[in-house]
N, C-alpha and C. Protein backbone atom coordinates (compact mmCIF):
# COMPACT_ATOMS: atom_id res chain seq x y z
N UNK A 1 112.06 113.64 113.85
CA UNK A 1 111.69 112.33 113.35
C UNK A 1 111.90 112.31 111.83
N UNK A 2 112.62 111.30 111.36
CA UNK A 2 112.89 111.21 109.94
C UNK A 2 111.69 110.55 109.24
N UNK A 3 111.29 111.15 108.15
CA UNK A 3 110.22 110.56 107.33
C UNK A 3 110.61 110.60 105.87
N UNK A 4 110.22 109.55 105.16
CA UNK A 4 110.41 109.49 103.72
C UNK A 4 109.03 109.39 103.09
N UNK A 5 108.68 110.35 102.26
CA UNK A 5 107.37 110.37 101.64
C UNK A 5 107.56 110.15 100.14
N UNK A 6 106.96 109.10 99.66
CA UNK A 6 107.05 108.75 98.25
C UNK A 6 105.82 109.23 97.47
N UNK A 7 106.04 109.41 96.19
CA UNK A 7 104.91 109.71 95.31
C UNK A 7 105.22 109.13 93.92
N UNK A 8 104.19 108.98 93.14
CA UNK A 8 104.33 108.38 91.83
C UNK A 8 103.91 106.96 91.83
N UNK A 9 104.27 106.26 90.78
CA UNK A 9 103.86 104.86 90.65
C UNK A 9 102.51 104.76 89.99
N UNK A 10 101.99 103.54 89.91
CA UNK A 10 100.70 103.32 89.29
C UNK A 10 100.75 102.23 88.25
N UNK A 11 99.77 102.27 87.36
CA UNK A 11 99.63 101.26 86.31
C UNK A 11 100.08 101.83 84.96
N UNK A 12 100.89 101.10 84.26
CA UNK A 12 101.41 101.56 82.97
C UNK A 12 101.53 100.38 82.03
N UNK A 13 101.45 100.65 80.76
CA UNK A 13 101.57 99.58 79.76
C UNK A 13 103.04 99.25 79.49
N UNK A 14 103.24 98.06 79.03
CA UNK A 14 104.57 97.60 78.61
C UNK A 14 105.22 98.64 77.67
N UNK A 15 106.45 99.04 77.99
CA UNK A 15 107.14 100.03 77.16
C UNK A 15 106.96 101.45 77.58
N UNK A 16 106.08 101.68 78.54
CA UNK A 16 105.81 103.04 78.99
C UNK A 16 106.81 103.55 80.00
N UNK A 17 106.54 104.77 80.52
CA UNK A 17 107.45 105.41 81.46
C UNK A 17 106.66 105.90 82.68
N UNK A 18 107.33 105.86 83.81
CA UNK A 18 106.78 106.37 85.08
C UNK A 18 107.89 107.00 85.86
N UNK A 19 107.53 107.91 86.76
CA UNK A 19 108.52 108.49 87.68
C UNK A 19 108.07 108.31 89.13
N UNK A 20 109.04 108.07 89.95
CA UNK A 20 108.83 108.00 91.41
C UNK A 20 109.66 109.10 92.06
N UNK A 21 109.12 109.66 93.14
CA UNK A 21 109.85 110.69 93.87
C UNK A 21 109.79 110.36 95.37
N UNK A 22 110.80 110.83 96.08
CA UNK A 22 110.86 110.60 97.52
C UNK A 22 111.51 111.81 98.17
N UNK A 23 110.86 112.37 99.15
CA UNK A 23 111.42 113.51 99.91
C UNK A 23 111.67 113.08 101.34
N UNK A 24 112.86 113.44 101.82
CA UNK A 24 113.27 113.11 103.18
C UNK A 24 113.09 114.33 104.05
N UNK A 25 112.47 114.16 105.19
CA UNK A 25 112.35 115.24 106.16
C UNK A 25 112.86 114.77 107.50
N UNK A 26 113.26 115.71 108.34
CA UNK A 26 113.70 115.36 109.68
C UNK A 26 115.20 115.42 109.86
N UNK A 27 115.95 115.46 108.78
CA UNK A 27 117.40 115.62 108.83
C UNK A 27 117.91 116.02 107.43
N UNK A 28 118.90 116.87 107.41
CA UNK A 28 119.52 117.24 106.12
C UNK A 28 120.84 116.50 105.90
N UNK A 29 121.21 115.68 106.90
CA UNK A 29 122.47 114.92 106.79
C UNK A 29 122.17 113.56 106.18
N UNK A 30 122.28 113.50 104.88
CA UNK A 30 121.90 112.29 104.13
C UNK A 30 123.08 111.80 103.33
N UNK A 31 123.38 110.55 103.44
CA UNK A 31 124.45 109.96 102.67
C UNK A 31 123.82 109.27 101.46
N UNK A 32 123.58 107.99 101.53
CA UNK A 32 123.00 107.28 100.39
C UNK A 32 121.48 107.52 100.32
N UNK A 33 120.98 107.54 99.09
CA UNK A 33 119.56 107.57 98.83
C UNK A 33 119.32 106.64 97.65
N UNK A 34 118.17 105.99 97.67
CA UNK A 34 117.94 105.11 96.53
C UNK A 34 116.59 104.41 96.60
N UNK A 35 116.49 103.41 95.77
CA UNK A 35 115.23 102.68 95.60
C UNK A 35 115.48 101.18 95.61
N UNK A 36 114.65 100.46 96.33
CA UNK A 36 114.56 99.02 96.30
C UNK A 36 113.19 98.65 95.76
N UNK A 37 113.06 97.39 95.38
CA UNK A 37 111.74 96.89 95.00
C UNK A 37 111.58 95.44 95.50
N UNK A 38 110.32 95.08 95.65
CA UNK A 38 110.02 93.75 96.14
C UNK A 38 108.79 93.22 95.40
N UNK A 39 108.91 91.97 94.94
CA UNK A 39 107.76 91.30 94.35
C UNK A 39 107.45 90.08 95.20
N UNK A 40 106.21 89.62 95.21
CA UNK A 40 105.84 88.48 96.04
C UNK A 40 106.71 87.26 95.73
N UNK A 41 107.22 86.65 96.77
CA UNK A 41 108.02 85.43 96.61
C UNK A 41 109.48 85.71 96.28
N UNK A 42 109.86 86.96 96.16
CA UNK A 42 111.24 87.28 95.85
C UNK A 42 111.84 88.15 96.92
N UNK A 43 113.17 88.13 96.99
CA UNK A 43 113.83 89.00 97.95
C UNK A 43 113.83 90.43 97.46
N UNK A 44 113.99 91.33 98.42
CA UNK A 44 114.07 92.73 98.08
C UNK A 44 115.30 92.93 97.17
N UNK A 45 115.16 93.76 96.15
CA UNK A 45 116.21 93.98 95.16
C UNK A 45 116.57 95.45 95.14
N UNK A 46 117.86 95.76 95.17
CA UNK A 46 118.28 97.12 94.97
C UNK A 46 118.08 97.51 93.51
N UNK A 47 117.39 98.60 93.27
CA UNK A 47 117.14 99.08 91.91
C UNK A 47 118.22 100.09 91.51
N UNK A 48 118.36 101.13 92.34
CA UNK A 48 119.32 102.18 92.05
C UNK A 48 119.65 102.89 93.34
N UNK A 49 120.88 103.39 93.43
CA UNK A 49 121.28 104.13 94.61
C UNK A 49 122.20 105.27 94.19
N UNK A 50 122.16 106.34 94.95
CA UNK A 50 123.00 107.47 94.70
C UNK A 50 123.68 107.86 96.02
N UNK A 51 124.91 108.34 95.89
CA UNK A 51 125.74 108.66 97.05
C UNK A 51 126.25 110.09 96.94
N UNK A 52 126.65 110.66 98.06
CA UNK A 52 127.09 112.07 98.05
C UNK A 52 128.33 112.26 97.21
N UNK A 53 129.22 111.27 97.19
CA UNK A 53 130.52 111.53 96.56
C UNK A 53 130.94 110.44 95.59
N UNK A 54 130.02 109.75 94.99
CA UNK A 54 130.38 108.76 93.99
C UNK A 54 129.24 108.60 92.99
N UNK A 55 129.53 107.91 91.91
CA UNK A 55 128.55 107.77 90.83
C UNK A 55 127.41 106.87 91.30
N UNK A 56 126.23 107.04 90.71
CA UNK A 56 125.10 106.19 91.09
C UNK A 56 125.34 104.73 90.68
N UNK A 57 124.60 103.87 91.34
CA UNK A 57 124.71 102.44 91.10
C UNK A 57 123.36 101.91 90.66
N UNK A 58 123.34 101.03 89.67
CA UNK A 58 122.11 100.47 89.15
C UNK A 58 122.15 98.97 89.13
N UNK A 59 120.99 98.37 89.34
CA UNK A 59 120.87 96.92 89.12
C UNK A 59 121.06 96.64 87.62
N UNK A 60 121.65 95.53 87.28
CA UNK A 60 121.82 95.17 85.88
C UNK A 60 120.49 95.11 85.15
N UNK A 61 119.45 94.76 85.86
CA UNK A 61 118.14 94.60 85.21
C UNK A 61 117.52 95.93 84.78
N UNK A 62 118.02 97.05 85.29
CA UNK A 62 117.44 98.34 84.93
C UNK A 62 118.42 99.28 84.26
N UNK A 63 119.67 98.89 84.15
CA UNK A 63 120.67 99.76 83.51
C UNK A 63 120.23 100.12 82.10
N UNK A 64 120.39 101.40 81.79
CA UNK A 64 120.02 101.86 80.46
C UNK A 64 118.56 102.23 80.32
N UNK A 65 117.74 101.85 81.34
CA UNK A 65 116.32 102.15 81.26
C UNK A 65 115.86 103.12 82.39
N UNK A 66 116.47 102.97 83.55
CA UNK A 66 116.11 103.80 84.69
C UNK A 66 117.20 104.83 84.97
N UNK A 67 116.77 105.98 85.46
CA UNK A 67 117.72 107.03 85.85
C UNK A 67 117.35 107.51 87.24
N UNK A 68 118.33 107.53 88.11
CA UNK A 68 118.12 108.07 89.46
C UNK A 68 118.67 109.48 89.50
N UNK A 69 117.86 110.39 90.09
CA UNK A 69 118.20 111.78 90.16
C UNK A 69 118.12 112.23 91.60
N UNK A 70 119.17 112.86 92.07
CA UNK A 70 119.22 113.33 93.45
C UNK A 70 119.28 114.85 93.48
N UNK A 71 118.45 115.44 94.33
CA UNK A 71 118.47 116.88 94.51
C UNK A 71 118.74 117.16 95.98
N UNK A 72 119.99 117.44 96.28
CA UNK A 72 120.40 117.62 97.69
C UNK A 72 119.69 118.78 98.36
N UNK A 73 119.50 119.86 97.64
CA UNK A 73 118.87 121.03 98.23
C UNK A 73 117.44 120.76 98.68
N UNK A 74 116.82 119.79 98.04
CA UNK A 74 115.43 119.45 98.37
C UNK A 74 115.34 118.13 99.17
N UNK A 75 116.48 117.53 99.48
CA UNK A 75 116.50 116.23 100.14
C UNK A 75 115.58 115.25 99.42
N UNK A 76 115.76 115.21 98.11
CA UNK A 76 114.82 114.48 97.25
C UNK A 76 115.58 113.54 96.31
N UNK A 77 114.99 112.37 96.10
CA UNK A 77 115.53 111.45 95.11
C UNK A 77 114.39 111.00 94.23
N UNK A 78 114.64 110.94 92.95
CA UNK A 78 113.62 110.52 91.96
C UNK A 78 114.14 109.36 91.16
N UNK A 79 113.24 108.62 90.63
CA UNK A 79 113.58 107.49 89.77
C UNK A 79 112.76 107.59 88.50
N UNK A 80 113.42 107.85 87.41
CA UNK A 80 112.77 107.91 86.11
C UNK A 80 112.87 106.53 85.48
N UNK A 81 111.72 105.93 85.23
CA UNK A 81 111.68 104.56 84.74
C UNK A 81 111.13 104.56 83.31
N UNK A 82 111.98 104.14 82.37
CA UNK A 82 111.62 104.10 80.98
C UNK A 82 111.63 102.68 80.44
N UNK A 83 111.00 102.48 79.31
CA UNK A 83 110.94 101.17 78.67
C UNK A 83 110.56 100.12 79.68
N UNK A 84 109.51 100.39 80.43
CA UNK A 84 109.09 99.47 81.50
C UNK A 84 108.64 98.13 80.94
N UNK A 85 108.91 97.09 81.72
CA UNK A 85 108.54 95.74 81.36
C UNK A 85 107.68 95.14 82.43
N UNK A 86 106.90 94.13 82.10
CA UNK A 86 106.06 93.47 83.11
C UNK A 86 106.88 92.99 84.31
N UNK A 87 108.12 92.57 84.10
CA UNK A 87 108.94 92.11 85.20
C UNK A 87 109.40 93.22 86.13
N UNK A 88 109.14 94.48 85.78
CA UNK A 88 109.43 95.59 86.67
C UNK A 88 108.30 95.79 87.67
N UNK A 89 107.22 95.06 87.51
CA UNK A 89 106.10 95.16 88.44
C UNK A 89 106.55 94.78 89.85
N UNK A 90 106.31 95.68 90.79
CA UNK A 90 106.76 95.47 92.16
C UNK A 90 106.28 96.61 93.04
N UNK A 91 106.49 96.46 94.33
CA UNK A 91 106.35 97.59 95.26
C UNK A 91 107.75 98.21 95.36
N UNK A 92 107.83 99.50 95.11
CA UNK A 92 109.10 100.20 95.14
C UNK A 92 109.22 100.99 96.46
N UNK A 93 110.36 100.86 97.11
CA UNK A 93 110.60 101.51 98.38
C UNK A 93 111.76 102.46 98.27
N UNK A 94 111.55 103.67 98.72
CA UNK A 94 112.64 104.63 98.83
C UNK A 94 113.41 104.37 100.14
N UNK A 95 114.70 104.59 100.10
CA UNK A 95 115.47 104.51 101.36
C UNK A 95 116.49 105.63 101.38
N UNK A 96 116.93 105.94 102.59
CA UNK A 96 117.96 106.93 102.78
C UNK A 96 118.75 106.61 104.03
N UNK A 97 120.04 106.80 103.94
CA UNK A 97 120.91 106.66 105.12
C UNK A 97 121.09 108.07 105.68
N UNK A 98 120.57 108.24 106.88
CA UNK A 98 120.43 109.58 107.45
C UNK A 98 121.10 109.64 108.81
N UNK A 99 121.70 110.79 109.10
CA UNK A 99 122.30 110.97 110.41
C UNK A 99 121.37 111.77 111.31
N UNK A 100 121.11 111.21 112.48
CA UNK A 100 120.30 111.86 113.48
C UNK A 100 121.02 111.71 114.81
N UNK A 101 121.23 112.84 115.50
CA UNK A 101 121.93 112.86 116.79
C UNK A 101 123.24 112.10 116.70
N UNK A 102 124.01 112.29 115.63
CA UNK A 102 125.30 111.69 115.48
C UNK A 102 125.30 110.24 115.03
N UNK A 103 124.15 109.66 114.83
CA UNK A 103 124.05 108.24 114.46
C UNK A 103 123.53 108.11 113.03
N UNK A 104 124.17 107.25 112.24
CA UNK A 104 123.68 106.96 110.91
C UNK A 104 122.75 105.76 110.95
N UNK A 105 121.68 105.83 110.24
CA UNK A 105 120.74 104.72 110.20
C UNK A 105 119.99 104.76 108.88
N UNK A 106 119.42 103.60 108.49
CA UNK A 106 118.64 103.51 107.26
C UNK A 106 117.17 103.73 107.55
N UNK A 107 116.53 104.53 106.71
CA UNK A 107 115.11 104.82 106.83
C UNK A 107 114.44 104.48 105.50
N UNK A 108 113.13 104.13 105.62
CA UNK A 108 112.39 103.62 104.46
C UNK A 108 111.08 104.37 104.28
N UNK A 109 110.69 104.46 102.98
CA UNK A 109 109.37 105.00 102.66
C UNK A 109 108.33 103.90 102.81
N UNK A 110 107.07 104.29 102.58
CA UNK A 110 105.96 103.37 102.82
C UNK A 110 105.77 102.37 101.67
N UNK A 111 106.41 102.64 100.55
CA UNK A 111 106.28 101.75 99.40
C UNK A 111 105.19 102.25 98.44
N UNK A 112 105.45 102.12 97.17
CA UNK A 112 104.49 102.52 96.15
C UNK A 112 104.44 101.43 95.08
N UNK A 113 103.24 101.09 94.66
CA UNK A 113 103.08 99.99 93.69
C UNK A 113 103.31 100.47 92.28
N UNK A 114 104.07 99.73 91.55
CA UNK A 114 104.26 99.93 90.09
C UNK A 114 103.80 98.65 89.41
N UNK A 115 102.83 98.78 88.50
CA UNK A 115 102.33 97.63 87.78
C UNK A 115 102.46 97.88 86.29
N UNK A 116 103.16 96.98 85.59
CA UNK A 116 103.37 97.11 84.16
C UNK A 116 102.59 96.00 83.47
N UNK A 117 101.59 96.40 82.68
CA UNK A 117 100.74 95.41 82.03
C UNK A 117 101.28 95.06 80.65
N UNK A 118 101.14 93.79 80.27
CA UNK A 118 101.65 93.36 78.98
C UNK A 118 100.60 93.47 77.89
């Protein structure tokens, strides 16, 4: 059974930094890994994604401030968030495209709240 366990997040002041981490268990065959976020009344937004054989991708709203780090040996993806702004406040979800029994599918973490106070 594939599971994604997130950690990190919390309350931070405007301009501060936070880190999120996500570990995938249940399969070592992982293609994409990344982070989405959702705020009330808005659609889910891709924040950053990393792939096995290409450069990471970032939302324009976080470029230059967030860094996604992938550790294949640990099946882990982290998101370093710097210069945080109140508009970064959201629930952040880890995701991974994982192969199980020959089938690729997307899996999600439980979500972690990030709140940036002004």
